[in-house]
């Protein structure tokens, strides 16, 4: 499953050189994952499980700047039994700025648990 989220780059997201601060790429990735869950038909908060981020990596190619509009594509990168990884590509137009990979783990009572079959089916589309 793939979905798109977009937003104009806001002044508050940039340094004095009008370049986006690194941490905002993670915020955009999270916004895109929430939109992705909704597009799958299961809003993020309604999965029925506590979801924790186990890992997030960012690989930059170029900078987004004030005045740009960023678009984030989200797609399933890997599905495990208790975790999955989403690949999120941040673009300005066709230019790739950053690829974020975020791994989410399903947790119940503080312990990783398998994702329910209905969630797995939606994720694997």
PDB file of N, CA and C in Angstrom:
ATOM      1  N   UNK A   1       0.848  -1.185   0.000  1.00  0.00           N
ATOM      2  CA  UNK A   1       0.000   0.000   0.000  1.00  0.00           C
ATOM      3  C   UNK A   1       0.882   1.233   0.000  1.00  0.00           C
ATOM      4  N   UNK A   2       0.492   2.184  -0.762  1.00  0.00           N
ATOM      5  CA  UNK A   2       1.247   3.425  -0.868  1.00  0.00           C
ATOM      6  C   UNK A   2       0.273   4.584  -0.751  1.00  0.00           C
ATOM      7  N   UNK A   3       0.671   5.619  -0.053  1.00  0.00           N
ATOM      8  CA  UNK A   3      -0.185   6.783   0.075  1.00  0.00           C
ATOM      9  C   UNK A   3       0.680   8.022   0.051  1.00  0.00           C
ATOM     10  N   UNK A   4       0.065   9.163  -0.084  1.00  0.00           N
ATOM     11  CA  UNK A   4       0.812  10.409  -0.174  1.00  0.00           C
ATOM     12  C   UNK A   4       0.272  11.404   0.849  1.00  0.00           C
ATOM     13  N   UNK A   5       1.184  12.091   1.501  1.00  0.00           N
ATOM     14  CA  UNK A   5       0.878  13.195   2.411  1.00  0.00           C
ATOM     15  C   UNK A   5       1.740  14.365   1.953  1.00  0.00           C
ATOM     16  N   UNK A   6       1.222  15.568   2.019  1.00  0.00           N
ATOM     17  CA  UNK A   6       2.035  16.710   1.614  1.00  0.00           C
ATOM     18  C   UNK A   6       1.745  17.913   2.499  1.00  0.00           C
ATOM     19  N   UNK A   7       2.708  18.830   2.504  1.00  0.00           N
ATOM     20  CA  UNK A   7       2.580  20.050   3.296  1.00  0.00           C
ATOM     21  C   UNK A   7       3.569  21.082   2.775  1.00  0.00           C
ATOM     22  N   UNK A   8       3.191  22.357   2.838  1.00  0.00           N
ATOM     23  CA  UNK A   8       4.188  23.382   2.536  1.00  0.00           C
ATOM     24  C   UNK A   8       5.214  23.414   3.663  1.00  0.00           C
ATOM     25  N   UNK A   9       6.451  23.726   3.336  1.00  0.00           N
ATOM     26  CA  UNK A   9       7.485  23.894   4.360  1.00  0.00           C
ATOM     27  C   UNK A   9       7.215  25.226   5.049  1.00  0.00           C
ATOM     28  N   UNK A  10       7.048  25.159   6.363  1.00  0.00           N
ATOM     29  CA  UNK A  10       6.730  26.357   7.139  1.00  0.00           C
ATOM     30  C   UNK A  10       8.007  27.028   7.647  1.00  0.00           C
ATOM     31  N   UNK A  11       7.932  28.320   7.854  1.00  0.00           N
ATOM     32  CA  UNK A  11       9.063  29.115   8.326  1.00  0.00           C
ATOM     33  C   UNK A  11       9.646  28.529   9.615  1.00  0.00           C
ATOM     34  N   UNK A  12       8.788  28.095  10.533  1.00  0.00           N
ATOM     35  CA  UNK A  12       9.226  27.572  11.832  1.00  0.00           C
ATOM     36  C   UNK A  12      10.001  26.258  11.711  1.00  0.00           C
ATOM     37  N   UNK A  13       9.943  25.608  10.553  1.00  0.00           N
ATOM     38  CA  UNK A  13      10.648  24.341  10.350  1.00  0.00           C
ATOM     39  C   UNK A  13      12.067  24.540   9.821  1.00  0.00           C
ATOM     40  N   UNK A  14      12.459  25.793   9.630  1.00  0.00           N
ATOM     41  CA  UNK A  14      13.725  26.096   8.946  1.00  0.00           C
ATOM     42  C   UNK A  14      14.705  26.843   9.837  1.00  0.00           C
ATOM     43  N   UNK A  15      15.986  26.734   9.459  1.00  0.00           N
ATOM     44  CA  UNK A  15      17.027  27.524  10.108  1.00  0.00           C
ATOM     45  C   UNK A  15      17.122  28.892   9.425  1.00  0.00           C
ATOM     46  N   UNK A  16      18.115  29.680   9.801  1.00  0.00           N
ATOM     47  CA  UNK A  16      18.247  31.025   9.237  1.00  0.00           C
ATOM     48  C   UNK A  16      18.576  31.019   7.748  1.00  0.00           C
ATOM     49  N   UNK A  17      19.068  29.895   7.250  1.00  0.00           N
ATOM     50  CA  UNK A  17      19.358  29.770   5.826  1.00  0.00           C
ATOM     51  C   UNK A  17      18.178  29.249   5.025  1.00  0.00           C
ATOM     52  N   UNK A  18      17.011  29.121   5.680  1.00  0.00           N
ATOM     53  CA  UNK A  18      15.767  28.648   5.059  1.00  0.00           C
ATOM     54  C   UNK A  18      15.807  27.158   4.714  1.00  0.00           C
ATOM     55  N   UNK A  19      16.704  26.399   5.379  1.00  0.00           N
ATOM     56  CA  UNK A  19      16.808  24.947   5.178  1.00  0.00           C
ATOM     57  C   UNK A  19      16.086  24.257   6.335  1.00  0.00           C
ATOM     58  N   UNK A  20      15.341  23.203   6.034  1.00  0.00           N
ATOM     59  CA  UNK A  20      14.564  22.478   7.043  1.00  0.00           C
ATOM     60  C   UNK A  20      15.496  21.821   8.058  1.00  0.00           C
ATOM     61  N   UNK A  21      15.168  21.991   9.363  1.00  0.00           N
ATOM     62  CA  UNK A  21      15.874  21.291  10.429  1.00  0.00           C
ATOM     63  C   UNK A  21      15.646  19.790  10.274  1.00  0.00           C
ATOM     64  N   UNK A  22      16.641  18.975  10.604  1.00  0.00           N
ATOM     65  CA  UNK A  22      16.587  17.521  10.426  1.00  0.00           C
ATOM     66  C   UNK A  22      15.385  16.859  11.097  1.00  0.00           C
ATOM     67  N   UNK A  23      15.065  17.237  12.321  1.00  0.00           N
ATOM     68  CA  UNK A  23      14.001  16.582  13.074  1.00  0.00           C
ATOM     69  C   UNK A  23      12.629  16.665  12.426  1.00  0.00           C
ATOM     70  N   UNK A  24      12.421  17.661  11.576  1.00  0.00           N
ATOM     71  CA  UNK A  24      11.105  17.816  10.955  1.00  0.00           C
ATOM     72  C   UNK A  24      10.804  16.709   9.946  1.00  0.00           C
ATOM     73  N   UNK A  25      11.829  16.066   9.407  1.00  0.00           N
ATOM     74  CA  UNK A  25      11.599  14.935   8.503  1.00  0.00           C
ATOM     75  C   UNK A  25      10.906  13.799   9.252  1.00  0.00           C
ATOM     76  N   UNK A  26      11.242  13.599  10.534  1.00  0.00           N
ATOM     77  CA  UNK A  26      10.570  12.578  11.339  1.00  0.00           C
ATOM     78  C   UNK A  26       9.121  12.962  11.627  1.00  0.00           C
ATOM     79  N   UNK A  27       8.885  14.250  11.858  1.00  0.00           N
ATOM     80  CA  UNK A  27       7.507  14.709  12.068  1.00  0.00           C
ATOM     81  C   UNK A  27       6.678  14.453  10.816  1.00  0.00           C
ATOM     82  N   UNK A  28       7.233  14.794   9.659  1.00  0.00           N
ATOM     83  CA  UNK A  28       6.507  14.564   8.402  1.00  0.00           C
ATOM     84  C   UNK A  28       6.274  13.068   8.181  1.00  0.00           C
ATOM     85  N   UNK A  29       7.261  12.245   8.520  1.00  0.00           N
ATOM     86  CA  UNK A  29       7.103  10.794   8.372  1.00  0.00           C
ATOM     87  C   UNK A  29       5.956  10.304   9.241  1.00  0.00           C
ATOM     88  N   UNK A  30       5.875  10.803  10.472  1.00  0.00           N
ATOM     89  CA  UNK A  30       4.784  10.397  11.355  1.00  0.00           C
ATOM     90  C   UNK A  30       3.431  10.840  10.798  1.00  0.00           C
ATOM     91  N   UNK A  31       3.357  12.061  10.294  1.00  0.00           N
ATOM     92  CA  UNK A  31       2.111  12.544   9.683  1.00  0.00           C
ATOM     93  C   UNK A  31       1.709  11.648   8.509  1.00  0.00           C
ATOM     94  N   UNK A  32       2.681  11.259   7.702  1.00  0.00           N
ATOM     95  CA  UNK A  32       2.402  10.397   6.547  1.00  0.00           C
ATOM     96  C   UNK A  32       1.935   9.018   6.986  1.00  0.00           C
ATOM     97  N   UNK A  33       2.514   8.472   8.050  1.00  0.00           N
ATOM     98  CA  UNK A  33       2.087   7.152   8.543  1.00  0.00           C
ATOM     99  C   UNK A  33       0.642   7.222   9.046  1.00  0.00           C
ATOM    100  N   UNK A  34       0.289   8.295   9.742  1.00  0.00           N
ATOM    101  CA  UNK A  34      -1.102   8.440  10.189  1.00  0.00           C
ATOM    102  C   UNK A  34      -2.055   8.494   8.994  1.00  0.00           C
ATOM    103  N   UNK A  35      -1.687   9.236   7.947  1.00  0.00           N
ATOM    104  CA  UNK A  35      -2.522   9.301   6.743  1.00  0.00           C
ATOM    105  C   UNK A  35      -2.575   7.942   6.051  1.00  0.00           C
ATOM    106  N   UNK A  36      -1.467   7.213   6.066  1.00  0.00           N
ATOM    107  CA  UNK A  36      -1.383   5.881   5.455  1.00  0.00           C
ATOM    108  C   UNK A  36      -2.333   4.915   6.146  1.00  0.00           C
ATOM    109  N   UNK A  37      -2.316   4.913   7.505  1.00  0.00           N
ATOM    110  CA  UNK A  37      -3.242   4.050   8.249  1.00  0.00           C
ATOM    111  C   UNK A  37      -4.695   4.379   7.881  1.00  0.00           C
ATOM    112  N   UNK A  38      -5.018   5.655   7.803  1.00  0.00           N
ATOM    113  CA  UNK A  38      -6.390   6.061   7.461  1.00  0.00           C
ATOM    114  C   UNK A  38      -6.743   5.591   6.053  1.00  0.00           C
ATOM    115  N   UNK A  39      -5.813   5.723   5.107  1.00  0.00           N
ATOM    116  CA  UNK A  39      -6.051   5.266   3.735  1.00  0.00           C
ATOM    117  C   UNK A  39      -6.241   3.755   3.676  1.00  0.00           C
ATOM    118  N   UNK A  40      -5.612   3.038   4.596  1.00  0.00           N
ATOM    119  CA  UNK A  40      -5.786   1.583   4.677  1.00  0.00           C
ATOM    120  C   UNK A  40      -7.163   1.216   5.227  1.00  0.00           C
ATOM    121  N   UNK A  41      -7.846   2.191   5.817  1.00  0.00           N
ATOM    122  CA  UNK A  41      -9.162   1.935   6.381  1.00  0.00           C
ATOM    123  C   UNK A  41      -9.123   1.664   7.871  1.00  0.00           C
ATOM    124  N   UNK A  42      -8.001   1.964   8.503  1.00  0.00           N
ATOM    125  CA  UNK A  42      -7.847   1.720   9.926  1.00  0.00           C
ATOM    126  C   UNK A  42      -7.061   2.879  10.534  1.00  0.00           C
ATOM    127  N   UNK A  43      -7.766   3.918  11.002  1.00  0.00           N
ATOM    128  CA  UNK A  43      -7.042   5.058  11.568  1.00  0.00           C
ATOM    129  C   UNK A  43      -6.035   4.617  12.631  1.00  0.00           C
ATOM    130  N   UNK A  44      -4.902   5.287  12.653  1.00  0.00           N
ATOM    131  CA  UNK A  44      -3.756   4.981  13.514  1.00  0.00           C
ATOM    132  C   UNK A  44      -4.165   4.621  14.942  1.00  0.00           C
ATOM    133  N   UNK A  45      -5.052   5.412  15.534  1.00  0.00           N
ATOM    134  CA  UNK A  45      -5.442   5.210  16.932  1.00  0.00           C
ATOM    135  C   UNK A  45      -6.407   4.045  17.123  1.00  0.00           C
ATOM    136  N   UNK A  46      -6.926   3.475  16.039  1.00  0.00           N
ATOM    137  CA  UNK A  46      -7.938   2.426  16.152  1.00  0.00           C
ATOM    138  C   UNK A  46      -7.421   1.035  15.806  1.00  0.00           C
ATOM    139  N   UNK A  47      -6.108   0.835  15.844  1.00  0.00           N
ATOM    140  CA  UNK A  47      -5.561  -0.489  15.532  1.00  0.00           C
ATOM    141  C   UNK A  47      -5.809  -1.484  16.652  1.00  0.00           C
ATOM    142  N   UNK A  48      -6.145  -0.980  17.846  1.00  0.00           N
ATOM    143  CA  UNK A  48      -6.420  -1.859  18.969  1.00  0.00           C
ATOM    144  C   UNK A  48      -5.175  -2.291  19.720  1.00  0.00           C
ATOM    145  N   UNK A  49      -4.021  -1.795  19.316  1.00  0.00           N
ATOM    146  CA  UNK A  49      -2.764  -2.146  19.973  1.00  0.00           C
ATOM    147  C   UNK A  49      -1.958  -0.894  20.287  1.00  0.00           C
ATOM    148  N   UNK A  50      -1.117  -1.042  21.283  1.00  0.00           N
ATOM    149  CA  UNK A  50      -0.148   0.007  21.537  1.00  0.00           C
ATOM    150  C   UNK A  50       0.967  -0.175  20.511  1.00  0.00           C
ATOM    151  N   UNK A  51       1.286   0.876  19.806  1.00  0.00           N
ATOM    152  CA  UNK A  51       2.328   0.815  18.781  1.00  0.00           C
ATOM    153  C   UNK A  51       3.512   1.641  19.247  1.00  0.00           C
ATOM    154  N   UNK A  52       4.676   1.047  19.211  1.00  0.00           N
ATOM    155  CA  UNK A  52       5.880   1.755  19.625  1.00  0.00           C
ATOM    156  C   UNK A  52       6.868   1.789  18.472  1.00  0.00           C
ATOM    157  N   UNK A  53       7.573   2.895  18.369  1.00  0.00           N
ATOM    158  CA  UNK A  53       8.626   2.983  17.365  1.00  0.00           C
ATOM    159  C   UNK A  53       9.879   2.333  17.954  1.00  0.00           C
ATOM    160  N   UNK A  54      10.351   1.319  17.261  1.00  0.00           N
ATOM    161  CA  UNK A  54      11.569   0.629  17.684  1.00  0.00           C
ATOM    162  C   UNK A  54      12.803   1.292  17.091  1.00  0.00           C
ATOM    163  N   UNK A  55      12.696   1.731  15.859  1.00  0.00           N
ATOM    164  CA  UNK A  55      13.849   2.338  15.184  1.00  0.00           C
ATOM    165  C   UNK A  55      13.366   3.265  14.086  1.00  0.00           C
ATOM    166  N   UNK A  56      14.180   4.281  13.821  1.00  0.00           N
ATOM    167  CA  UNK A  56      13.933   5.180  12.694  1.00  0.00           C
ATOM    168  C   UNK A  56      15.290   5.571  12.129  1.00  0.00           C
ATOM    169  N   UNK A  57      15.402   5.469  10.812  1.00  0.00           N
ATOM    170  CA  UNK A  57      16.624   5.895  10.142  1.00  0.00           C
ATOM    171  C   UNK A  57      16.265   6.918   9.081  1.00  0.00           C
ATOM    172  N   UNK A  58      17.181   7.830   8.842  1.00  0.00           N
ATOM    173  CA  UNK A  58      16.982   8.862   7.833  1.00  0.00           C
ATOM    174  C   UNK A  58      18.201   8.886   6.931  1.00  0.00           C
ATOM    175  N   UNK A  59      17.938   8.950   5.639  1.00  0.00           N
ATOM    176  CA  UNK A  59      19.016   9.042   4.666  1.00  0.00           C
ATOM    177  C   UNK A  59      18.718  10.224   3.749  1.00  0.00           C
ATOM    178  N   UNK A  60      19.531  11.280   3.889  1.00  0.00           N
ATOM    179  CA  UNK A  60      19.290  12.500   3.131  1.00  0.00           C
ATOM    180  C   UNK A  60      19.959  12.476   1.769  1.00  0.00           C
ATOM    181  N   UNK A  61      19.270  13.099   0.799  1.00  0.00           N
ATOM    182  CA  UNK A  61      19.814  13.287  -0.544  1.00  0.00           C
ATOM    183  C   UNK A  61      19.973  14.762  -0.867  1.00  0.00           C
ATOM    184  N   UNK A  62      19.007  15.567  -0.407  1.00  0.00           N
ATOM    185  CA  UNK A  62      19.035  17.006  -0.642  1.00  0.00           C
ATOM    186  C   UNK A  62      18.124  17.686   0.369  1.00  0.00           C
ATOM    187  N   UNK A  63      18.206  18.981   0.457  1.00  0.00           N
ATOM    188  CA  UNK A  63      17.447  19.720   1.465  1.00  0.00           C
ATOM    189  C   UNK A  63      16.113  20.218   0.941  1.00  0.00           C
ATOM    190  N   UNK A  64      15.118  20.162   1.817  1.00  0.00           N
ATOM    191  CA  UNK A  64      13.875  20.896   1.574  1.00  0.00           C
ATOM    192  C   UNK A  64      14.094  22.281   2.163  1.00  0.00           C
ATOM    193  N   UNK A  65      13.456  23.264   1.562  1.00  0.00           N
ATOM    194  CA  UNK A  65      13.685  24.651   1.961  1.00  0.00           C
ATOM    195  C   UNK A  65      12.352  25.373   2.146  1.00  0.00           C
ATOM    196  N   UNK A  66      12.422  26.496   2.849  1.00  0.00           N
ATOM    197  CA  UNK A  66      11.245  27.326   3.044  1.00  0.00           C
ATOM    198  C   UNK A  66      10.642  27.678   1.688  1.00  0.00           C
ATOM    199  N   UNK A  67       9.323  27.530   1.588  1.00  0.00           N
ATOM    200  CA  UNK A  67       8.629  27.826   0.337  1.00  0.00           C
ATOM    201  C   UNK A  67       8.371  26.595  -0.514  1.00  0.00           C
ATOM    202  N   UNK A  68       9.127  25.497  -0.264  1.00  0.00           N
ATOM    203  CA  UNK A  68       8.869  24.248  -0.981  1.00  0.00           C
ATOM    204  C   UNK A  68       7.590  23.599  -0.455  1.00  0.00           C
ATOM    205  N   UNK A  69       7.050  22.681  -1.223  1.00  0.00           N
ATOM    206  CA  UNK A  69       6.007  21.785  -0.740  1.00  0.00           C
ATOM    207  C   UNK A  69       6.599  20.388  -0.746  1.00  0.00           C
ATOM    208  N   UNK A  70       6.566  19.735   0.424  1.00  0.00           N
ATOM    209  CA  UNK A  70       7.082  18.372   0.516  1.00  0.00           C
ATOM    210  C   UNK A  70       5.932  17.388   0.355  1.00  0.00           C
ATOM    211  N   UNK A  71       6.238  16.282  -0.309  1.00  0.00           N
ATOM    212  CA  UNK A  71       5.308  15.175  -0.470  1.00  0.00           C
ATOM    213  C   UNK A  71       5.986  13.947   0.105  1.00  0.00           C
ATOM    214  N   UNK A  72       5.234  13.163   0.863  1.00  0.00           N
ATOM    215  CA  UNK A  72       5.785  11.954   1.469  1.00  0.00           C
ATOM    216  C   UNK A  72       4.985  10.755   0.985  1.00  0.00           C
ATOM    217  N   UNK A  73       5.675   9.815   0.345  1.00  0.00           N
ATOM    218  CA  UNK A  73       5.075   8.547  -0.071  1.00  0.00           C
ATOM    219  C   UNK A  73       5.375   7.523   1.012  1.00  0.00           C
ATOM    220  N   UNK A  74       4.376   6.752   1.409  1.00  0.00           N
ATOM    221  CA  UNK A  74       4.553   5.712   2.425  1.00  0.00           C
ATOM    222  C   UNK A  74       4.234   4.362   1.817  1.00  0.00           C
ATOM    223  N   UNK A  75       5.117   3.389   2.077  1.00  0.00           N
ATOM    224  CA  UNK A  75       4.843   2.035   1.622  1.00  0.00           C
ATOM    225  C   UNK A  75       5.476   1.031   2.572  1.00  0.00           C
ATOM    226  N   UNK A  76       4.854  -0.117   2.683  1.00  0.00           N
ATOM    227  CA  UNK A  76       5.373  -1.172   3.536  1.00  0.00           C
ATOM    228  C   UNK A  76       6.710  -1.642   2.986  1.00  0.00           C
ATOM    229  N   UNK A  77       7.725  -1.647   3.840  1.00  0.00           N
ATOM    230  CA  UNK A  77       9.065  -2.083   3.453  1.00  0.00           C
ATOM    231  C   UNK A  77       9.315  -3.525   3.894  1.00  0.00           C
ATOM    232  N   UNK A  78       8.828  -3.843   5.108  1.00  0.00           N
ATOM    233  CA  UNK A  78       9.048  -5.183   5.642  1.00  0.00           C
ATOM    234  C   UNK A  78       7.960  -5.489   6.660  1.00  0.00           C
ATOM    235  N   UNK A  79       7.469  -6.727   6.655  1.00  0.00           N
ATOM    236  CA  UNK A  79       6.459  -7.166   7.619  1.00  0.00           C
ATOM    237  C   UNK A  79       7.014  -8.331   8.402  1.00  0.00           C
ATOM    238  N   UNK A  80       7.083  -8.200   9.721  1.00  0.00           N
ATOM    239  CA  UNK A  80       7.466  -9.296  10.603  1.00  0.00           C
ATOM    240  C   UNK A  80       6.240  -9.752  11.374  1.00  0.00           C
ATOM    241  N   UNK A  81       6.431 -10.565  12.381  1.00  0.00           N
ATOM    242  CA  UNK A  81       5.268 -11.008  13.157  1.00  0.00           C
ATOM    243  C   UNK A  81       4.840  -9.958  14.175  1.00  0.00           C
ATOM    244  N   UNK A  82       5.798  -9.319  14.865  1.00  0.00           N
ATOM    245  CA  UNK A  82       5.460  -8.309  15.861  1.00  0.00           C
ATOM    246  C   UNK A  82       5.816  -6.895  15.413  1.00  0.00           C
ATOM    247  N   UNK A  83       6.485  -6.771  14.281  1.00  0.00           N
ATOM    248  CA  UNK A  83       6.898  -5.442  13.815  1.00  0.00           C
ATOM    249  C   UNK A  83       6.736  -5.326  12.299  1.00  0.00           C
ATOM    250  N   UNK A  84       6.724  -4.087  11.852  1.00  0.00           N
ATOM    251  CA  UNK A  84       6.773  -3.812  10.425  1.00  0.00           C
ATOM    252  C   UNK A  84       7.549  -2.521  10.221  1.00  0.00           C
ATOM    253  N   UNK A  85       8.112  -2.374   9.035  1.00  0.00           N
ATOM    254  CA  UNK A  85       8.868  -1.178   8.694  1.00  0.00           C
ATOM    255  C   UNK A  85       8.201  -0.486   7.514  1.00  0.00           C
ATOM    256  N   UNK A  86       8.027   0.805   7.650  1.00  0.00           N
ATOM    257  CA  UNK A  86       7.472   1.643   6.592  1.00  0.00           C
ATOM    258  C   UNK A  86       8.615   2.459   5.984  1.00  0.00           C
ATOM    259  N   UNK A  87       8.681   2.482   4.654  1.00  0.00           N
ATOM    260  CA  UNK A  87       9.627   3.345   3.943  1.00  0.00           C
ATOM    261  C   UNK A  87       8.866   4.594   3.527  1.00  0.00           C
ATOM    262  N   UNK A  88       9.399   5.745   3.890  1.00  0.00           N
ATOM    263  CA  UNK A  88       8.759   7.025   3.616  1.00  0.00           C
ATOM    264  C   UNK A  88       9.725   7.885   2.817  1.00  0.00           C
ATOM    265  N   UNK A  89       9.336   8.217   1.598  1.00  0.00           N
ATOM    266  CA  UNK A  89      10.186   9.010   0.719  1.00  0.00           C
ATOM    267  C   UNK A  89       9.678  10.438   0.694  1.00  0.00           C
ATOM    268  N   UNK A  90      10.524  11.354   1.160  1.00  0.00           N
ATOM    269  CA  UNK A  90      10.183  12.778   1.202  1.00  0.00           C
ATOM    270  C   UNK A  90      10.720  13.417  -0.070  1.00  0.00           C
ATOM    271  N   UNK A  91       9.821  14.076  -0.817  1.00  0.00           N
ATOM    272  CA  UNK A  91      10.202  14.695  -2.091  1.00  0.00           C
ATOM    273  C   UNK A  91       9.763  16.152  -2.143  1.00  0.00           C
ATOM    274  N   UNK A  92      10.476  16.904  -2.957  1.00  0.00           N
ATOM    275  CA  UNK A  92      10.022  18.215  -3.417  1.00  0.00           C
ATOM    276  C   UNK A  92       9.930  18.050  -4.924  1.00  0.00           C
ATOM    277  N   UNK A  93       8.711  18.030  -5.435  1.00  0.00           N
ATOM    278  CA  UNK A  93       8.523  17.690  -6.846  1.00  0.00           C
ATOM    279  C   UNK A  93       9.009  16.260  -7.055  1.00  0.00           C
ATOM    280  N   UNK A  94       9.863  16.059  -8.031  1.00  0.00           N
ATOM    281  CA  UNK A  94      10.427  14.729  -8.298  1.00  0.00           C
ATOM    282  C   UNK A  94      11.745  14.502  -7.562  1.00  0.00           C
ATOM    283  N   UNK A  95      12.275  15.549  -6.935  1.00  0.00           N
ATOM    284  CA  UNK A  95      13.573  15.467  -6.257  1.00  0.00           C
ATOM    285  C   UNK A  95      13.418  14.825  -4.880  1.00  0.00           C
ATOM    286  N   UNK A  96      14.137  13.725  -4.649  1.00  0.00           N
ATOM    287  CA  UNK A  96      14.110  13.058  -3.352  1.00  0.00           C
ATOM    288  C   UNK A  96      14.995  13.832  -2.385  1.00  0.00           C
ATOM    289  N   UNK A  97      14.411  14.167  -1.235  1.00  0.00           N
ATOM    290  CA  UNK A  97      15.166  14.864  -0.191  1.00  0.00           C
ATOM    291  C   UNK A  97      15.670  13.888   0.863  1.00  0.00           C
ATOM    292  N   UNK A  98      14.827  12.934   1.225  1.00  0.00           N
ATOM    293  CA  UNK A  98      15.160  12.056   2.342  1.00  0.00           C
ATOM    294  C   UNK A  98      14.311  10.792   2.261  1.00  0.00           C
ATOM    295  N   UNK A  99      14.885   9.676   2.692  1.00  0.00           N
ATOM    296  CA  UNK A  99      14.119   8.447   2.875  1.00  0.00           C
ATOM    297  C   UNK A  99      14.180   8.098   4.359  1.00  0.00           C
ATOM    298  N   UNK A 100      13.020   7.977   4.971  1.00  0.00           N
ATOM    299  CA  UNK A 100      12.897   7.613   6.378  1.00  0.00           C
ATOM    300  C   UNK A 100      12.364   6.188   6.437  1.00  0.00           C
ATOM    301  N   UNK A 101      12.995   5.355   7.238  1.00  0.00           N
ATOM    302  CA  UNK A 101      12.475   4.007   7.492  1.00  0.00           C
ATOM    303  C   UNK A 101      12.164   3.925   8.979  1.00  0.00           C
ATOM    304  N   UNK A 102      10.903   3.651   9.290  1.00  0.00           N
ATOM    305  CA  UNK A 102      10.456   3.587  10.676  1.00  0.00           C
ATOM    306  C   UNK A 102       9.900   2.200  10.951  1.00  0.00           C
ATOM    307  N   UNK A 103      10.375   1.593  12.036  1.00  0.00           N
ATOM    308  CA  UNK A 103       9.907   0.263  12.440  1.00  0.00           C
ATOM    309  C   UNK A 103       8.994   0.411  13.644  1.00  0.00           C
ATOM    310  N   UNK A 104       7.787  -0.127  13.505  1.00  0.00           N
ATOM    311  CA  UNK A 104       6.777  -0.100  14.560  1.00  0.00           C
ATOM    312  C   UNK A 104       6.618  -1.503  15.131  1.00  0.00           C
ATOM    313  N   UNK A 105       6.441  -1.580  16.451  1.00  0.00           N
ATOM    314  CA  UNK A 105       6.237  -2.854  17.134  1.00  0.00           C
ATOM    315  C   UNK A 105       4.882  -2.804  17.834  1.00  0.00           C
ATOM    316  N   UNK A 106       4.115  -3.890  17.727  1.00  0.00           N
ATOM    317  CA  UNK A 106       2.859  -4.030  18.461  1.00  0.00           C
ATOM    318  C   UNK A 106       3.198  -4.474  19.876  1.00  0.00           C
ATOM    319  N   UNK A 107       2.587  -3.815  20.866  1.00  0.00           N
ATOM    320  CA  UNK A 107       2.906  -4.100  22.266  1.00  0.00           C
ATOM    321  C   UNK A 107       1.621  -4.233  23.072  1.00  0.00           C
ATOM    322  N   UNK A 108       1.592  -5.226  23.966  1.00  0.00           N
ATOM    323  CA  UNK A 108       0.503  -5.382  24.936  1.00  0.00           C
ATOM    324  C   UNK A 108       1.160  -5.679  26.285  1.00  0.00           C
ATOM    325  N   UNK A 109       0.779  -4.930  27.303  1.00  0.00           N
ATOM    326  CA  UNK A 109       1.366  -5.088  28.641  1.00  0.00           C
ATOM    327  C   UNK A 109       2.889  -4.995  28.616  1.00  0.00           C
ATOM    328  N   UNK A 110       3.420  -4.129  27.755  1.00  0.00           N
ATOM    329  CA  UNK A 110       4.852  -3.895  27.689  1.00  0.00           C
ATOM    330  C   UNK A 110       5.661  -4.945  26.960  1.00  0.00           C
ATOM    331  N   UNK A 111       4.989  -5.908  26.329  1.00  0.00           N
ATOM    332  CA  UNK A 111       5.669  -7.009  25.653  1.00  0.00           C
ATOM    333  C   UNK A 111       5.260  -7.036  24.180  1.00  0.00           C
ATOM    334  N   UNK A 112       6.220  -7.226  23.253  1.00  0.00           N
ATOM    335  CA  UNK A 112       5.847  -7.343  21.834  1.00  0.00           C
ATOM    336  C   UNK A 112       4.886  -8.503  21.601  1.00  0.00           C
ATOM    337  N   UNK A 113       3.882  -8.246  20.776  1.00  0.00           N
ATOM    338  CA  UNK A 113       2.879  -9.268  20.428  1.00  0.00           C
ATOM    339  C   UNK A 113       2.674  -9.261  18.918  1.00  0.00           C
ATOM    340  N   UNK A 114       2.204 -10.365  18.360  1.00  0.00           N
ATOM    341  CA  UNK A 114       1.944 -10.391  16.912  1.00  0.00           C
ATOM    342  C   UNK A 114       0.834  -9.410  16.524  1.00  0.00           C
ATOM    343  N   UNK A 115       0.990  -8.842  15.331  1.00  0.00           N
ATOM    344  CA  UNK A 115      -0.069  -7.998  14.785  1.00  0.00           C
ATOM    345  C   UNK A 115      -1.260  -8.890  14.456  1.00  0.00           C
ATOM    346  N   UNK A 116      -2.491  -8.448  14.762  1.00  0.00           N
ATOM    347  CA  UNK A 116      -3.677  -9.241  14.402  1.00  0.00           C
ATOM    348  C   UNK A 116      -3.737  -9.458  12.887  1.00  0.00           C
ATOM    349  N   UNK A 117      -4.342 -10.548  12.482  1.00  0.00           N
ATOM    350  CA  UNK A 117      -4.438 -10.882  11.053  1.00  0.00           C
ATOM    351  C   UNK A 117      -5.119  -9.782  10.237  1.00  0.00           C
ATOM    352  N   UNK A 118      -6.143  -9.144  10.781  1.00  0.00           N
ATOM    353  CA  UNK A 118      -6.835  -8.074  10.031  1.00  0.00           C
ATOM    354  C   UNK A 118      -5.883  -6.908   9.759  1.00  0.00           C
ATOM    355  N   UNK A 119      -5.005  -6.597  10.699  1.00  0.00           N
ATOM    356  CA  UNK A 119      -4.027  -5.523  10.503  1.00  0.00           C
ATOM    357  C   UNK A 119      -2.983  -5.958   9.491  1.00  0.00           C
ATOM    358  N   UNK A 120      -2.488  -7.189   9.628  1.00  0.00           N
ATOM    359  CA  UNK A 120      -1.495  -7.727   8.674  1.00  0.00           C
ATOM    360  C   UNK A 120      -2.049  -7.708   7.246  1.00  0.00           C
ATOM    361  N   UNK A 121      -3.310  -8.110   7.105  1.00  0.00           N
ATOM    362  CA  UNK A 121      -3.939  -8.146   5.773  1.00  0.00           C
ATOM    363  C   UNK A 121      -4.016  -6.744   5.175  1.00  0.00           C
ATOM    364  N   UNK A 122      -4.389  -5.761   5.984  1.00  0.00           N
ATOM    365  CA  UNK A 122      -4.454  -4.371   5.501  1.00  0.00           C
ATOM    366  C   UNK A 122      -3.067  -3.865   5.105  1.00  0.00           C
ATOM    367  N   UNK A 123      -2.082  -4.134   5.930  1.00  0.00           N
ATOM    368  CA  UNK A 123      -0.729  -3.658   5.653  1.00  0.00           C
ATOM    369  C   UNK A 123      -0.150  -4.276   4.389  1.00  0.00           C
ATOM    370  N   UNK A 124      -0.418  -5.557   4.181  1.00  0.00           N
ATOM    371  CA  UNK A 124       0.155  -6.256   3.045  1.00  0.00           C
ATOM    372  C   UNK A 124      -0.685  -6.116   1.783  1.00  0.00           C
ATOM    373  N   UNK A 125      -1.878  -5.494   1.954  1.00  0.00           N
ATOM    374  CA  UNK A 125      -2.768  -5.149   0.862  1.00  0.00           C
ATOM    375  C   UNK A 125      -2.877  -6.133  -0.203  1.00  0.00           C
TER     376      UNK A 125
END
